[in-house]
Amino acid sequence: MLNLLISRIEAIAEWSGRATAWLVLGMVLIIGFDVAMRYLFQAGSVGLQELEWHLFALVFLLGAGYTFKHDGHVRVDIFYHSRHMDSRRRAWVDLLGGLFLLLPFCLLIIISSLPFVSSAFTIGEGSPDPGGLPYRFLLKAAIPLGFSLLLLQGVAHMLRSVQILLSHKAPPPSQTDHDGAQR
């Protein structure tokens, strides 16, 4: 049952990661087009520039859970990968770090961003700049969505840690660092 829950949560992270990859491709194409228009034809667009940073914000927010799933976030591994840290100790670090740092931080951002997003929806917020993009409230709605995806992946990560602590076994292959060290 626990494995099924973890698999479903991680499937959401995979889906958001794939969607984010398409956003990255779109962002690169738009930036290339914008640069070509500005430097070759001296024709810039405020809307195009806003779209670039809107896409960047979406990549960051929607890709955070996927990046966490694949251990791509920056962290200081001074103790984590030492010879004294076996898989059980790492599981404790992951579980306690998730419970006392990741979950509260995600909940804080989600809860504190809801009035901000609600206000933007209520007034139908758009860009204040001439030629800017309308519907800025949609971008702001990505803040609680992105942190919810990160929170879900954090729950899956903590559940994997609980499995390790209860089973006294090494973590499954999906929990291996890029350098091959077991987590």
C-alpha atoms as a PDB file:
ATOM      1  CA  MET A   1       0.000   0.000   0.000  1.00  0.00           C
ATOM      2  CA  LEU A   2       2.806   2.400   0.914  1.00  0.00           C
ATOM      3  CA  ASN A   3       4.682   1.577  -2.276  1.00  0.00           C
ATOM      4  CA  LEU A   4       1.571   2.341  -4.328  1.00  0.00           C
ATOM      5  CA  LEU A   5       1.168   5.732  -2.627  1.00  0.00           C
ATOM      6  CA  ILE A   6       4.833   6.580  -3.185  1.00  0.00           C
ATOM      7  CA  SER A   7       4.597   5.482  -6.830  1.00  0.00           C
ATOM      8  CA  ARG A   8       1.551   7.644  -7.466  1.00  0.00           C
ATOM      9  CA  ILE A   9       3.120  10.701  -5.866  1.00  0.00           C
ATOM     10  CA  GLU A  10       6.327  10.171  -7.833  1.00  0.00           C
ATOM     11  CA  ALA A  11       4.297   9.769 -11.036  1.00  0.00           C
ATOM     12  CA  ILE A  12       2.958  13.281 -10.443  1.00  0.00           C
ATOM     13  CA  ALA A  13       6.538  14.543 -10.060  1.00  0.00           C
ATOM     14  CA  GLU A  14       7.533  12.792 -13.296  1.00  0.00           C
ATOM     15  CA  TRP A  15       4.586  14.307 -15.142  1.00  0.00           C
ATOM     16  CA  SER A  16       5.399  17.806 -13.896  1.00  0.00           C
ATOM     17  CA  GLY A  17       9.031  17.286 -14.885  1.00  0.00           C
ATOM     18  CA  ARG A  18       8.072  16.308 -18.426  1.00  0.00           C
ATOM     19  CA  ALA A  19       5.740  19.303 -18.725  1.00  0.00           C
ATOM     20  CA  THR A  20       8.528  21.526 -17.415  1.00  0.00           C
ATOM     21  CA  ALA A  21      10.917  20.179 -20.040  1.00  0.00           C
ATOM     22  CA  TRP A  22       8.530  21.380 -22.745  1.00  0.00           C
ATOM     23  CA  LEU A  23       8.351  24.774 -21.035  1.00  0.00           C
ATOM     24  CA  VAL A  24      12.161  24.968 -21.138  1.00  0.00           C
ATOM     25  CA  LEU A  25      12.138  24.232 -24.863  1.00  0.00           C
ATOM     26  CA  GLY A  26       9.479  26.898 -25.435  1.00  0.00           C
ATOM     27  CA  MET A  27      11.408  29.388 -23.334  1.00  0.00           C
ATOM     28  CA  VAL A  28      14.627  28.802 -25.296  1.00  0.00           C
ATOM     29  CA  LEU A  29      12.816  29.265 -28.613  1.00  0.00           C
ATOM     30  CA  ILE A  30      11.104  32.447 -27.427  1.00  0.00           C
ATOM     31  CA  ILE A  31      14.360  33.906 -26.084  1.00  0.00           C
ATOM     32  CA  GLY A  32      16.095  33.094 -29.381  1.00  0.00           C
ATOM     33  CA  PHE A  33      13.294  34.739 -31.343  1.00  0.00           C
ATOM     34  CA  ASP A  34      13.289  37.782 -29.053  1.00  0.00           C
ATOM     35  CA  VAL A  35      17.064  38.239 -29.352  1.00  0.00           C
ATOM     36  CA  ALA A  36      16.907  37.892 -33.141  1.00  0.00           C
ATOM     37  CA  MET A  37      14.094  40.442 -33.369  1.00  0.00           C
ATOM     38  CA  ARG A  38      15.931  42.947 -31.153  1.00  0.00           C
ATOM     39  CA  TYR A  39      19.370  42.687 -32.707  1.00  0.00           C
ATOM     40  CA  LEU A  40      18.537  41.968 -36.334  1.00  0.00           C
ATOM     41  CA  PHE A  41      15.403  44.073 -36.760  1.00  0.00           C
ATOM     42  CA  GLN A  42      15.563  46.497 -33.786  1.00  0.00           C
ATOM     43  CA  ALA A  43      12.043  45.382 -32.830  1.00  0.00           C
ATOM     44  CA  GLY A  44      11.490  44.482 -29.181  1.00  0.00           C
ATOM     45  CA  SER A  45       8.354  43.398 -27.403  1.00  0.00           C
ATOM     46  CA  VAL A  46       7.428  43.932 -23.759  1.00  0.00           C
ATOM     47  CA  GLY A  47       4.973  41.026 -23.961  1.00  0.00           C
ATOM     48  CA  LEU A  48       7.669  38.701 -25.276  1.00  0.00           C
ATOM     49  CA  GLN A  49      10.083  39.687 -22.526  1.00  0.00           C
ATOM     50  CA  GLU A  50       7.396  39.149 -19.890  1.00  0.00           C
ATOM     51  CA  LEU A  51       6.601  35.754 -21.404  1.00  0.00           C
ATOM     52  CA  GLU A  52      10.261  34.796 -20.977  1.00  0.00           C
ATOM     53  CA  TRP A  53      10.279  35.477 -17.256  1.00  0.00           C
ATOM     54  CA  HIS A  54       6.803  33.971 -16.822  1.00  0.00           C
ATOM     55  CA  LEU A  55       8.074  30.741 -18.382  1.00  0.00           C
ATOM     56  CA  PHE A  56      11.211  30.858 -16.234  1.00  0.00           C
ATOM     57  CA  ALA A  57       9.043  31.191 -13.110  1.00  0.00           C
ATOM     58  CA  LEU A  58       6.913  28.229 -14.227  1.00  0.00           C
ATOM     59  CA  VAL A  59      10.016  26.123 -14.915  1.00  0.00           C
ATOM     60  CA  PHE A  60      11.349  26.875 -11.447  1.00  0.00           C
ATOM     61  CA  LEU A  61       8.033  26.310  -9.634  1.00  0.00           C
ATOM     62  CA  LEU A  62       6.707  23.294 -11.529  1.00  0.00           C
ATOM     63  CA  GLY A  63      10.091  21.608 -11.785  1.00  0.00           C
ATOM     64  CA  ALA A  64      10.998  21.766  -8.078  1.00  0.00           C
ATOM     65  CA  GLY A  65       9.278  18.494  -7.123  1.00  0.00           C
ATOM     66  CA  TYR A  66      10.782  16.664 -10.091  1.00  0.00           C
ATOM     67  CA  THR A  67      14.229  18.024  -9.271  1.00  0.00           C
ATOM     68  CA  PHE A  68      13.857  16.896  -5.663  1.00  0.00           C
ATOM     69  CA  LYS A  69      12.778  13.415  -6.793  1.00  0.00           C
ATOM     70  CA  HIS A  70      15.943  13.101  -8.871  1.00  0.00           C
ATOM     71  CA  ASP A  71      18.180  14.569  -6.139  1.00  0.00           C
ATOM     72  CA  GLY A  72      19.043  17.598  -8.234  1.00  0.00           C
ATOM     73  CA  HIS A  73      18.767  20.276  -5.558  1.00  0.00           C
ATOM     74  CA  VAL A  74      21.913  21.764  -4.101  1.00  0.00           C
ATOM     75  CA  ARG A  75      22.775  20.699  -0.581  1.00  0.00           C
ATOM     76  CA  VAL A  76      25.856  20.434   1.577  1.00  0.00           C
ATOM     77  CA  ASP A  77      26.869  16.780   1.755  1.00  0.00           C
ATOM     78  CA  ILE A  78      29.745  17.081   4.229  1.00  0.00           C
ATOM     79  CA  PHE A  79      28.265  14.485   6.584  1.00  0.00           C
ATOM     80  CA  TYR A  80      25.634  12.873   4.375  1.00  0.00           C
ATOM     81  CA  HIS A  81      28.122  10.934   2.237  1.00  0.00           C
ATOM     82  CA  SER A  82      30.722  10.223   4.899  1.00  0.00           C
ATOM     83  CA  ARG A  83      31.630   6.636   5.678  1.00  0.00           C
ATOM     84  CA  HIS A  84      29.823   6.968   9.026  1.00  0.00           C
ATOM     85  CA  MET A  85      26.455   7.621   7.371  1.00  0.00           C
ATOM     86  CA  ASP A  86      24.846   4.313   6.487  1.00  0.00           C
ATOM     87  CA  SER A  87      21.451   4.104   4.775  1.00  0.00           C
ATOM     88  CA  ARG A  88      19.573   4.121   8.100  1.00  0.00           C
ATOM     89  CA  ARG A  89      21.280   7.319   9.307  1.00  0.00           C
ATOM     90  CA  ARG A  90      20.645   8.956   5.944  1.00  0.00           C
ATOM     91  CA  ALA A  91      17.017   7.901   6.208  1.00  0.00           C
ATOM     92  CA  TRP A  92      16.813   9.599   9.611  1.00  0.00           C
ATOM     93  CA  VAL A  93      18.370  12.778   8.194  1.00  0.00           C
ATOM     94  CA  ASP A  94      15.926  12.739   5.270  1.00  0.00           C
ATOM     95  CA  LEU A  95      12.919  12.043   7.481  1.00  0.00           C
ATOM     96  CA  LEU A  96      13.737  14.664  10.111  1.00  0.00           C
ATOM     97  CA  GLY A  97      14.828  17.224   7.517  1.00  0.00           C
ATOM     98  CA  GLY A  98      11.564  16.709   5.664  1.00  0.00           C
ATOM     99  CA  LEU A  99       9.426  16.912   8.784  1.00  0.00           C
ATOM    100  CA  PHE A 100      11.095  19.922  10.371  1.00  0.00           C
ATOM    101  CA  LEU A 101      12.376  21.902   7.367  1.00  0.00           C
ATOM    102  CA  LEU A 102      10.807  20.994   4.024  1.00  0.00           C
ATOM    103  CA  LEU A 103       7.181  20.462   5.048  1.00  0.00           C
ATOM    104  CA  PRO A 104       6.881  23.565   7.247  1.00  0.00           C
ATOM    105  CA  PHE A 105       8.562  25.733   4.616  1.00  0.00           C
ATOM    106  CA  CYS A 106       6.280  24.453   1.830  1.00  0.00           C
ATOM    107  CA  LEU A 107       3.194  24.881   4.000  1.00  0.00           C
ATOM    108  CA  LEU A 108       4.270  28.408   4.930  1.00  0.00           C
ATOM    109  CA  ILE A 109       4.666  29.398   1.281  1.00  0.00           C
ATOM    110  CA  ILE A 110       1.412  27.713   0.208  1.00  0.00           C
ATOM    111  CA  ILE A 111      -0.664  29.246   3.001  1.00  0.00           C
ATOM    112  CA  SER A 112       0.881  32.710   2.780  1.00  0.00           C
ATOM    113  CA  SER A 113       0.585  32.831  -1.030  1.00  0.00           C
ATOM    114  CA  LEU A 114      -3.150  32.025  -1.141  1.00  0.00           C
ATOM    115  CA  PRO A 115      -4.358  35.567  -0.252  1.00  0.00           C
ATOM    116  CA  PHE A 116      -1.830  36.981  -2.739  1.00  0.00           C
ATOM    117  CA  VAL A 117      -3.167  34.695  -5.496  1.00  0.00           C
ATOM    118  CA  SER A 118      -6.792  35.280  -4.507  1.00  0.00           C
ATOM    119  CA  SER A 119      -6.320  39.041  -4.693  1.00  0.00           C
ATOM    120  CA  ALA A 120      -4.716  38.743  -8.136  1.00  0.00           C
ATOM    121  CA  PHE A 121      -7.661  36.616  -9.376  1.00  0.00           C
ATOM    122  CA  THR A 122     -10.216  39.010  -7.871  1.00  0.00           C
ATOM    123  CA  ILE A 123      -8.849  42.048  -9.683  1.00  0.00           C
ATOM    124  CA  GLY A 124      -7.953  40.088 -12.844  1.00  0.00           C
ATOM    125  CA  GLU A 125      -4.355  41.231 -12.501  1.00  0.00           C
ATOM    126  CA  GLY A 126      -2.355  41.727 -15.652  1.00  0.00           C
ATOM    127  CA  SER A 127       0.827  43.512 -16.539  1.00  0.00           C
ATOM    128  CA  PRO A 128       0.976  47.204 -15.637  1.00  0.00           C
ATOM    129  CA  ASP A 129       3.272  47.824 -18.635  1.00  0.00           C
ATOM    130  CA  PRO A 130       1.920  48.885 -22.029  1.00  0.00           C
ATOM    131  CA  GLY A 131       2.111  45.873 -24.317  1.00  0.00           C
ATOM    132  CA  GLY A 132       2.515  43.545 -21.342  1.00  0.00           C
ATOM    133  CA  LEU A 133       0.747  40.255 -20.838  1.00  0.00           C
ATOM    134  CA  PRO A 134      -2.719  39.986 -19.345  1.00  0.00           C
ATOM    135  CA  TYR A 135      -3.670  37.220 -16.902  1.00  0.00           C
ATOM    136  CA  ARG A 136      -0.739  37.614 -14.506  1.00  0.00           C
ATOM    137  CA  PHE A 137      -2.967  36.021 -11.881  1.00  0.00           C
ATOM    138  CA  LEU A 138      -2.439  32.671 -13.627  1.00  0.00           C
ATOM    139  CA  LEU A 139       1.289  32.943 -13.089  1.00  0.00           C
ATOM    140  CA  LYS A 140       0.761  33.801  -9.432  1.00  0.00           C
ATOM    141  CA  ALA A 141      -1.435  30.703  -9.060  1.00  0.00           C
ATOM    142  CA  ALA A 142       1.639  28.636  -9.930  1.00  0.00           C
ATOM    143  CA  ILE A 143       3.232  29.592  -6.594  1.00  0.00           C
ATOM    144  CA  PRO A 144       1.011  27.415  -4.368  1.00  0.00           C
ATOM    145  CA  LEU A 145       0.829  24.781  -7.120  1.00  0.00           C
ATOM    146  CA  GLY A 146       4.607  24.493  -7.404  1.00  0.00           C
ATOM    147  CA  PHE A 147       5.125  24.305  -3.646  1.00  0.00           C
ATOM    148  CA  SER A 148       2.304  21.743  -3.400  1.00  0.00           C
ATOM    149  CA  LEU A 149       4.139  19.570  -5.928  1.00  0.00           C
ATOM    150  CA  LEU A 150       7.344  19.966  -3.908  1.00  0.00           C
ATOM    151  CA  LEU A 151       5.454  19.144  -0.710  1.00  0.00           C
ATOM    152  CA  LEU A 152       3.997  15.979  -2.270  1.00  0.00           C
ATOM    153  CA  GLN A 153       7.408  14.810  -3.409  1.00  0.00           C
ATOM    154  CA  GLY A 154       8.748  15.579   0.069  1.00  0.00           C
ATOM    155  CA  VAL A 155       6.059  13.324   1.546  1.00  0.00           C
ATOM    156  CA  ALA A 156       7.045  10.535  -0.865  1.00  0.00           C
ATOM    157  CA  HIS A 157      10.702  11.012   0.089  1.00  0.00           C
ATOM    158  CA  MET A 158       9.875  10.836   3.796  1.00  0.00           C
ATOM    159  CA  LEU A 159       7.758   7.706   3.238  1.00  0.00           C
ATOM    160  CA  ARG A 160      10.746   6.082   1.509  1.00  0.00           C
ATOM    161  CA  SER A 161      12.830   6.983   4.549  1.00  0.00           C
ATOM    162  CA  VAL A 162      10.233   5.379   6.826  1.00  0.00           C
ATOM    163  CA  GLN A 163      10.373   2.234   4.672  1.00  0.00           C
ATOM    164  CA  ILE A 164      14.141   2.102   5.055  1.00  0.00           C
ATOM    165  CA  LEU A 165      13.926   2.577   8.804  1.00  0.00           C
ATOM    166  CA  LEU A 166      11.253  -0.117   9.175  1.00  0.00           C
ATOM    167  CA  SER A 167      12.778  -2.660   6.826  1.00  0.00           C
ATOM    168  CA  HIS A 168      16.476  -2.272   7.620  1.00  0.00           C
ATOM    169  CA  LYS A 169      17.123  -2.620   3.879  1.00  0.00           C
ATOM    170  CA  ALA A 170      18.929  -0.424   1.403  1.00  0.00           C
ATOM    171  CA  PRO A 171      16.751   2.055  -0.488  1.00  0.00           C
ATOM    172  CA  PRO A 172      15.316   1.153  -3.891  1.00  0.00           C
ATOM    173  CA  PRO A 173      17.405   2.012  -6.969  1.00  0.00           C
ATOM    174  CA  SER A 174      15.465   5.241  -7.646  1.00  0.00           C
ATOM    175  CA  GLN A 175      16.975   6.651  -4.460  1.00  0.00           C
ATOM    176  CA  THR A 176      20.588   6.490  -5.629  1.00  0.00           C
ATOM    177  CA  ASP A 177      22.600   9.691  -5.939  1.00  0.00           C
ATOM    178  CA  HIS A 178      24.208  10.747  -9.181  1.00  0.00           C
ATOM    179  CA  ASP A 179      27.579   9.581  -7.867  1.00  0.00           C
ATOM    180  CA  GLY A 180      26.186   6.117  -7.101  1.00  0.00           C
ATOM    181  CA  ALA A 181      26.041   6.496  -3.316  1.00  0.00           C
ATOM    182  CA  GLN A 182      23.028   4.987  -1.640  1.00  0.00           C
ATOM    183  CA  ARG A 183      20.779   7.454   0.142  1.00  0.00           C
END
